[in-house]
Protein backbone atom coordinates (compact mmCIF):
# COMPACT_ATOMS: atom_id res chain seq x y z
CA MET A 1 -21.91 -24.92 -3.49
CA SER A 2 -24.28 -27.35 -2.06
CA THR A 3 -22.64 -31.01 -3.16
CA LYS A 4 -19.39 -29.52 -1.44
CA CYS A 5 -21.09 -28.89 1.89
CA THR A 6 -22.46 -31.64 2.08
CA LEU A 7 -19.73 -33.54 1.27
CA PHE A 8 -18.07 -31.82 3.91
CA ALA A 9 -20.62 -32.76 6.69
CA ALA A 10 -20.54 -36.66 5.19
CA GLY A 11 -16.32 -36.29 6.09
CA ILE A 12 -16.98 -34.39 9.43
CA LEU A 13 -19.72 -37.56 10.66
CA LEU A 14 -17.27 -40.55 8.42
CA ALA A 15 -14.66 -39.09 10.89
CA LEU A 16 -15.69 -39.04 14.48
CA PRO A 17 -15.05 -41.92 15.34
CA PRO A 18 -10.95 -41.85 15.32
CA LEU A 19 -10.93 -38.31 16.27
CA ALA A 20 -13.14 -38.67 19.64
CA ALA A 21 -10.62 -41.25 19.90
CA ALA A 22 -7.54 -39.32 19.28
CA THR A 23 -8.39 -36.49 21.90
CA GLU A 24 -9.16 -36.29 24.76
CA SER A 25 -8.62 -32.03 25.56
CA PRO A 26 -10.77 -31.13 28.28
CA ASP A 27 -10.80 -27.66 26.62
CA SER A 28 -12.90 -28.75 23.62
CA SER A 29 -15.78 -30.11 23.04
CA PHE A 30 -17.57 -31.30 20.23
CA SER A 31 -21.05 -32.67 19.22
CA VAL A 32 -23.87 -34.08 16.42
CA LEU A 33 -27.59 -33.09 17.02
CA LEU A 34 -29.96 -34.45 14.66
CA ARG A 35 -33.41 -33.30 14.59
CA LEU A 36 -36.30 -35.51 12.53
CA GLU A 37 -40.02 -34.91 12.55
CA PRO A 38 -41.82 -37.18 9.90
CA GLU A 39 -45.38 -35.69 9.21
CA LEU A 40 -48.75 -36.78 7.23
CA VAL A 41 -51.06 -34.83 6.53
CA HIS A 42 -54.31 -34.21 4.61
CA VAL A 43 -55.25 -31.27 2.84
CA ASP A 44 -58.26 -29.75 1.82
CA GLY A 45 -60.03 -26.17 1.66
CA SER A 46 -60.66 -23.96 -1.45
CA ALA A 47 -57.35 -22.37 -1.36
CA ALA A 48 -55.55 -25.78 -1.67
CA GLU A 49 -58.37 -26.87 -4.28
CA ALA A 50 -57.49 -23.58 -6.48
CA ARG A 51 -53.99 -24.43 -6.10
CA ASP A 52 -54.15 -28.46 -6.87
CA ALA A 53 -53.17 -28.57 -3.36
CA ASP A 54 -55.51 -31.02 -1.39
CA GLY A 55 -54.68 -34.57 -1.05
CA TRP A 56 -52.88 -36.48 1.37
CA TYR A 57 -49.00 -35.74 2.21
CA LEU A 58 -46.17 -36.84 3.57
CA THR A 59 -44.29 -33.67 4.69
CA ASP A 60 -41.90 -32.05 7.26
CA GLY A 61 -43.92 -28.71 8.51
CA TRP A 62 -46.05 -26.91 6.55
CA ALA A 63 -46.20 -22.89 5.61
CA GLY A 64 -47.49 -20.45 3.20
CA GLY A 65 -49.05 -23.23 0.91
CA ASN A 66 -45.96 -25.06 1.01
CA LYS A 67 -45.09 -28.72 2.18
CA ASN A 68 -41.53 -28.85 3.68
CA ALA A 69 -41.73 -25.74 4.77
CA ALA A 70 -40.82 -23.59 7.93
CA ASN A 71 -39.48 -27.35 8.87
CA PHE A 72 -38.27 -28.85 11.84
CA GLY A 73 -35.73 -31.76 10.51
CA ALA A 74 -32.08 -30.31 10.89
CA LEU A 75 -28.88 -32.13 11.55
CA PHE A 76 -26.15 -29.58 13.73
CA ILE A 77 -22.51 -30.08 13.97
CA ASP A 78 -21.05 -28.03 16.58
CA GLY A 79 -17.66 -27.14 17.93
CA GLU A 80 -16.16 -24.93 20.81
CA HIS A 81 -12.68 -24.91 21.93
CA GLN A 82 -11.52 -22.85 25.12
CA VAL A 83 -8.47 -20.04 23.76
CA SER A 84 -7.78 -18.72 26.99
CA HIS A 85 -9.50 -18.19 30.47
CA GLY A 86 -12.68 -17.08 30.22
CA LEU A 87 -12.74 -16.93 26.25
CA ARG A 88 -13.96 -19.98 24.12
CA ALA A 89 -13.96 -20.55 20.06
CA VAL A 90 -17.00 -21.65 18.88
CA GLY A 91 -19.34 -22.50 15.58
CA ARG A 92 -21.91 -24.36 13.86
CA PHE A 93 -22.21 -26.25 10.61
CA GLY A 94 -26.18 -26.59 9.87
CA LEU A 95 -27.71 -28.82 7.25
CA ASN A 96 -32.08 -28.44 6.78
CA ILE A 97 -33.57 -32.08 6.63
CA ASN A 98 -37.08 -32.43 5.28
CA SER A 99 -39.20 -35.65 4.42
CA GLU A 100 -37.92 -35.26 1.07
CA GLY A 101 -34.22 -35.07 2.49
CA LEU A 102 -31.32 -31.71 1.52
CA PRO A 103 -33.81 -29.34 0.08
CA ALA A 104 -32.02 -27.52 -3.08
CA GLY A 105 -30.09 -24.39 -3.25
CA SER A 106 -28.99 -21.93 -0.57
CA ALA A 107 -31.94 -24.19 1.08
CA GLN A 108 -30.17 -26.88 2.49
CA HIS A 109 -28.41 -24.83 4.73
CA ARG A 110 -29.69 -23.77 8.50
CA GLU A 111 -26.81 -21.39 10.55
CA ILE A 112 -23.51 -21.89 9.40
CA TYR A 113 -20.72 -19.35 11.68
CA LEU A 114 -17.80 -19.12 14.13
CA GLY A 115 -17.53 -16.38 16.60
CA LEU A 116 -15.64 -15.90 20.08
CA ALA A 117 -18.09 -15.94 23.30
CA GLY A 118 -17.37 -15.46 26.76
CA ASP A 119 -17.42 -13.03 29.49
CA PHE A 120 -18.72 -10.24 27.22
CA GLY A 121 -21.33 -12.32 25.87
CA GLN A 122 -21.24 -13.72 22.37
CA VAL A 123 -20.14 -12.44 19.11
CA ILE A 124 -20.26 -14.90 15.38
CA ALA A 125 -20.60 -13.88 12.46
CA GLY A 126 -22.03 -16.02 8.98
CA ARG A 127 -25.02 -17.28 8.03
CA LEU A 128 -27.35 -16.67 11.07
CA GLU A 129 -31.34 -16.54 12.06
CA THR A 130 -32.28 -12.56 12.64
CA PRO A 131 -33.20 -11.87 16.61
CA TYR A 132 -37.17 -10.99 14.92
CA LYS A 133 -37.39 -14.64 14.44
CA LEU A 134 -36.17 -16.01 17.66
CA SER A 135 -37.67 -14.09 19.40
CA ALA A 136 -40.84 -15.48 21.10
CA LEU A 137 -40.51 -18.38 18.20
CA GLY A 138 -40.99 -20.98 20.43
CA TRP A 139 -43.63 -19.39 22.34
CA ASP A 140 -45.56 -21.55 19.52
CA PRO A 141 -46.13 -25.08 20.96
CA LEU A 142 -46.74 -25.67 17.36
CA ASN A 143 -44.00 -24.70 15.68
CA GLY A 144 -42.41 -26.78 12.77
CA THR A 145 -45.49 -28.70 13.12
CA ALA A 146 -47.62 -28.80 9.36
CA LEU A 147 -50.01 -26.79 12.21
CA GLN A 148 -47.56 -24.14 13.06
CA ALA A 149 -49.42 -20.18 12.97
CA ARG A 150 -45.61 -19.00 11.24
CA GLY A 151 -46.82 -18.19 7.33
CA ASN A 152 -50.27 -19.52 7.62
CA ILE A 153 -51.73 -15.98 9.08
CA GLY A 154 -51.52 -16.77 12.48
CA ARG A 155 -47.47 -15.04 11.91
CA SER A 156 -45.55 -13.72 9.66
CA GLY A 157 -42.85 -15.93 7.55
CA GLY A 158 -40.46 -14.73 5.35
CA ALA A 159 -36.86 -14.00 5.87
CA PHE A 160 -37.34 -11.17 7.79
CA GLY A 161 -40.09 -12.60 9.77
CA HIS A 162 -40.07 -16.24 11.56
CA ALA A 163 -37.76 -18.38 8.50
CA SER A 164 -35.58 -18.19 6.73
CA TYR A 165 -31.76 -16.63 7.47
CA ILE A 166 -29.39 -14.49 6.51
CA ASP A 167 -26.02 -14.90 4.91
CA ASN A 168 -23.41 -12.11 5.25
CA ALA A 169 -23.68 -11.54 9.09
CA ILE A 170 -22.96 -10.31 12.31
CA GLU A 171 -24.45 -11.36 16.09
CA TYR A 172 -24.01 -9.73 19.19
CA SER A 173 -25.76 -11.34 22.21
CA HIS A 174 -25.97 -11.37 26.02
CA ARG A 175 -27.53 -11.76 29.03
CA PHE A 176 -27.00 -8.68 31.43
CA GLY A 177 -28.58 -10.27 34.80
CA PRO A 178 -31.95 -11.08 34.34
CA VAL A 179 -31.63 -9.55 30.71
CA SER A 180 -31.52 -11.13 27.24
CA LEU A 181 -30.09 -8.62 24.41
CA ARG A 182 -28.99 -9.82 21.16
CA ALA A 183 -28.18 -7.59 17.74
CA MET A 184 -27.16 -8.63 14.13
CA ALA A 185 -26.57 -6.41 10.93
CA ALA A 186 -25.36 -8.36 7.33
CA LEU A 187 -24.91 -6.09 4.54
CA ASP A 188 -25.34 -7.50 1.04
CA GLU A 189 -22.13 -7.21 -0.71
CA ASP A 190 -24.25 -7.89 -3.95
CA SER A 191 -26.25 -5.80 -4.32
CA GLU A 192 -26.45 -3.83 -8.09
CA THR A 193 -28.38 -0.04 -6.38
CA THR A 194 -25.87 2.13 -5.54
CA SER A 195 -27.66 2.60 -1.83
CA ASP A 196 -26.14 -0.73 -0.32
CA ARG A 197 -28.22 -0.62 3.09
CA PRO A 198 -27.89 -3.05 5.57
CA MET A 199 -30.02 -4.85 7.72
CA TRP A 200 -30.58 -5.23 11.20
CA SER A 201 -32.55 -6.57 13.83
CA ALA A 202 -31.78 -6.69 17.93
CA SER A 203 -34.74 -8.12 20.76
CA LEU A 204 -34.54 -7.91 24.35
CA ALA A 205 -36.73 -10.69 26.04
CA VAL A 206 -37.31 -9.58 30.22
CA PRO A 207 -38.16 -12.12 32.82
CA ALA A 208 -40.28 -10.87 35.24
CA GLY A 209 -41.31 -13.52 37.59
CA PRO A 210 -43.97 -16.20 35.94
CA VAL A 211 -44.24 -13.54 32.85
CA GLU A 212 -41.50 -12.86 30.10
CA PHE A 213 -42.08 -9.49 27.97
CA THR A 214 -40.12 -9.56 24.63
CA LEU A 215 -39.60 -6.48 22.34
CA ALA A 216 -37.70 -7.34 18.31
CA HIS A 217 -37.55 -5.19 15.79
CA ILE A 218 -35.87 -5.57 12.63
CA GLU A 219 -35.10 -3.03 9.03
CA ALA A 220 -35.07 -4.37 6.07
CA SER A 221 -35.61 -1.19 3.97
CA GLU A 222 -34.08 -1.93 0.14
CA PHE A 223 -31.53 -5.17 1.93
CA ASP A 224 -30.75 -7.26 -1.17
CA ASP A 225 -32.36 -4.70 -4.01
CA GLY A 226 -35.47 -5.14 -2.09
CA PRO A 227 -38.36 -2.25 -1.64
CA ASP A 228 -38.50 0.38 0.74
CA LYS A 229 -40.49 0.62 3.99
CA ARG A 230 -39.73 -3.44 5.16
CA THR A 231 -39.49 -2.79 8.71
CA GLY A 232 -41.11 -5.00 11.90
CA THR A 233 -41.24 -4.56 14.92
CA LYS A 234 -42.96 -7.30 17.77
CA LEU A 235 -44.05 -7.27 21.63
CA GLY A 236 -45.08 -10.22 23.38
CA ALA A 237 -45.73 -12.00 26.49
CA ARG A 238 -46.08 -15.51 27.88
CA TYR A 239 -47.19 -16.76 31.40
CA SER A 240 -45.63 -19.73 32.61
CA GLU A 241 -46.94 -21.54 35.87
CA GLY A 242 -47.03 -25.36 36.35
CA PRO A 243 -48.53 -27.19 34.15
CA TRP A 244 -49.85 -24.11 31.92
CA ALA A 245 -48.64 -21.50 29.71
CA VAL A 246 -50.51 -18.61 27.52
CA ALA A 247 -48.55 -16.33 25.08
CA ALA A 248 -49.27 -13.30 23.53
CA THR A 249 -47.49 -11.70 20.61
CA TYR A 250 -48.44 -8.88 18.46
CA GLU A 251 -47.05 -8.13 15.34
CA MET A 252 -46.42 -4.46 12.84
CA ARG A 253 -45.61 -5.09 9.38
CA ASP A 254 -44.85 -2.28 6.92
CA GLU A 255 -45.50 -1.84 3.29
CA GLY A 256 -42.67 -4.01 2.13
CA LEU A 257 -43.07 -6.94 3.93
CA GLU A 258 -46.83 -7.92 4.80
CA ASP A 259 -48.55 -4.80 5.08
CA GLY A 260 -50.33 -5.62 7.72
CA ASP A 261 -50.53 -6.87 11.65
CA PHE A 262 -50.68 -9.78 13.53
CA MET A 263 -51.90 -11.19 17.01
CA TYR A 264 -51.26 -14.33 17.53
CA LEU A 265 -52.86 -16.12 21.06
CA THR A 266 -51.63 -19.55 22.37
CA THR A 267 -52.01 -21.68 25.15
CA SER A 268 -50.82 -25.37 26.43
CA TYR A 269 -51.56 -27.53 29.49
CA ARG A 270 -49.00 -30.18 30.34
CA TRP A 271 -51.00 -33.35 32.42
CA ARG A 272 -48.55 -36.11 32.34
CA ASP A 273 -47.16 -37.04 29.22
CA TRP A 274 -49.15 -35.33 27.45
CA SER A 275 -49.28 -31.74 26.12
CA PHE A 276 -52.75 -29.63 24.96
CA MET A 277 -52.62 -26.77 22.94
CA ALA A 278 -54.84 -24.56 21.54
CA SER A 279 -53.84 -21.54 18.81
CA HIS A 280 -55.94 -18.45 16.85
CA GLY A 281 -53.77 -15.79 15.13
CA ARG A 282 -55.50 -12.83 13.13
CA PHE A 283 -54.06 -11.23 10.08
CA SER A 284 -55.85 -7.77 9.44
CA ASP A 285 -54.61 -6.38 6.17
CA ASP A 286 -53.53 -2.93 5.79
CA SER A 287 -53.15 -2.72 1.83
CA PRO A 288 -55.74 -1.36 -0.60
CA ASP A 289 -56.91 -5.68 -1.01
CA ASN A 290 -58.26 -5.58 2.84
CA ASN A 291 -57.34 -9.45 2.50
CA ASP A 292 -57.35 -10.18 6.27
CA GLY A 293 -56.85 -13.35 7.59
CA ARG A 294 -57.62 -16.24 10.72
CA TYR A 295 -55.63 -19.05 12.22
CA ASN A 296 -56.79 -21.45 14.13
CA ALA A 297 -55.00 -24.72 15.50
CA VAL A 298 -55.60 -27.33 18.46
CA ALA A 299 -53.94 -30.40 19.24
CA ALA A 300 -52.15 -32.48 21.44
CA ARG A 301 -48.45 -33.94 21.68
CA TYR A 302 -47.56 -37.17 23.78
CA HIS A 303 -44.01 -37.52 24.98
CA PHE A 304 -42.22 -41.20 24.66
CA ALA A 305 -39.35 -39.91 26.69
CA ARG A 306 -37.40 -35.81 27.36
CA ASN A 307 -36.26 -36.35 22.78
CA VAL A 308 -39.23 -37.83 21.17
CA SER A 309 -42.85 -37.39 21.11
CA ALA A 310 -46.23 -38.15 18.42
CA HIS A 311 -48.67 -35.35 18.09
CA ALA A 312 -52.03 -34.79 16.39
CA GLY A 313 -54.32 -32.02 15.64
CA PHE A 314 -56.01 -29.73 13.36
CA ARG A 315 -55.68 -26.43 11.79
CA ARG A 316 -57.32 -23.90 9.49
CA MET A 317 -56.31 -20.84 7.86
CA THR A 318 -58.67 -18.53 5.63
CA ARG A 319 -58.68 -15.49 4.04
CA ASP A 320 -61.25 -13.05 3.06
CA THR A 321 -60.69 -12.87 -0.72
CA GLY A 322 -58.53 -15.87 -0.54
CA GLY A 323 -59.82 -18.71 0.61
CA SER A 324 -59.99 -21.39 3.08
CA GLU A 325 -56.96 -24.09 3.44
CA ASN A 326 -57.44 -26.86 6.60
CA ILE A 327 -55.10 -29.60 7.48
CA ALA A 328 -55.77 -32.95 9.99
CA GLY A 329 -52.11 -34.91 10.84
CA ILE A 330 -50.36 -36.94 12.73
CA GLY A 331 -46.27 -36.97 12.99
CA ILE A 332 -42.85 -37.77 15.33
CA ARG A 333 -40.76 -35.54 16.54
CA ALA A 334 -37.33 -37.27 17.48
CA ILE A 335 -34.17 -35.50 18.67
CA PHE A 336 -30.97 -37.07 18.63
CA ASN A 337 -28.12 -35.45 20.70
CA THR A 338 -24.60 -37.06 21.31
CA GLY A 339 -23.34 -34.87 23.36
CA ASN A 340 -19.90 -34.25 23.51
CA LEU A 341 -17.31 -36.94 21.32
CA LEU A 342 -14.48 -35.90 22.74
CA SER A 343 -15.05 -35.90 26.60
CA ARG A 344 -13.30 -39.12 28.16
CA ASN A 345 -15.49 -42.22 29.25
C-alpha cells in the first residue's frame, strides 16, 4: 500500500507540466506544497542515557524520546474544482517527510481526503486530523521542531492528542460569523469487539478582539479496541497584539490516555526579522505512579524570507520518576508552494 501511494504521488508530480499546459480552466486549481525542516540536535540527560539515546542527531522534530516524531516535513498535493455556483469539490493527498525520507507503514501518510465545500461549510472524508489536535496547535511557536511541547510533557501527544491522524473519518467545519466550528467522527471498521464504538471530536474557536478562546473535546473510549475512559478536554486562550503573543492551554486527560492534566504557557516577541520564544509546561499525573513532569524551552528564530527561517534553542523535560531529557539544537525550515498550476500566466 505504501509503495502504491508513493508511486501515485510521483506520477502526479511527473504529470504536472503537461497538465498545467493543457488545462486553463478558471474553475479548477491544482497546487503542490512542500515543507522541509532539517535539525541538528544534541540530546542528553538521565532519561536519554537510560534509553541509550544521548548524542548527536540529524532529525525533524522530536517527541516521546524519539527523533523524527511529530515532525514538520510534508508533501501536500491539493486540488479544487468549482462544481456549480457555491459548491466546490476539494481534495488533498499528503505524505510525511522527515530527515530520513518517507517513514515506513501508515506513518508515511498525512491527510488524505475528498469532500465538498460551499456556503454551508465544508464536509471532507478520509484520513484526517482531529479537531482536538488542530485546536490551538499552532499556538506553540516551536511546534513541529525538536523543542516543541507536544509529546514532551508540555502538551499531550498521540493520535488522540496533538499528533497523528485518524482513518475512516468524516469532518464538518464552518465559520458562523467570527466563530469557527469543527466536528469529526470515525468508525473503526476492523474492531474485534461487539461495541464498535465510534470516535468523535469537536472544537470551537471564538475571537474577542485581541484574544481568542478555544474549547475542544475528544471521545475515543473503546475505539479501535482501545481502553475505556479515553476522553480529553482542552481549554485555551491566546492574546496577540503588535509584536507580542501570549497563550495558555489546559488539558484534562482521562485514565485511558495520559491520566492527568497538562498546563501549557508560551510567549513570543517579534523584533524585525527575529522572533524570541519561551514556553513552560506542567503535567500533573493522576495515576498511582504520581509521575509529574515539567517542560521548559527557550529559542530564537530568524526569518530570511516569508517561507524560510532558521531556529536555535534549548529544551528540558523532567519526570519525577523518569529522569530528564535535554535537547539543544539548530534547524532550518523552508516552505515551497507552487500556487495554482492550472492558472494562466
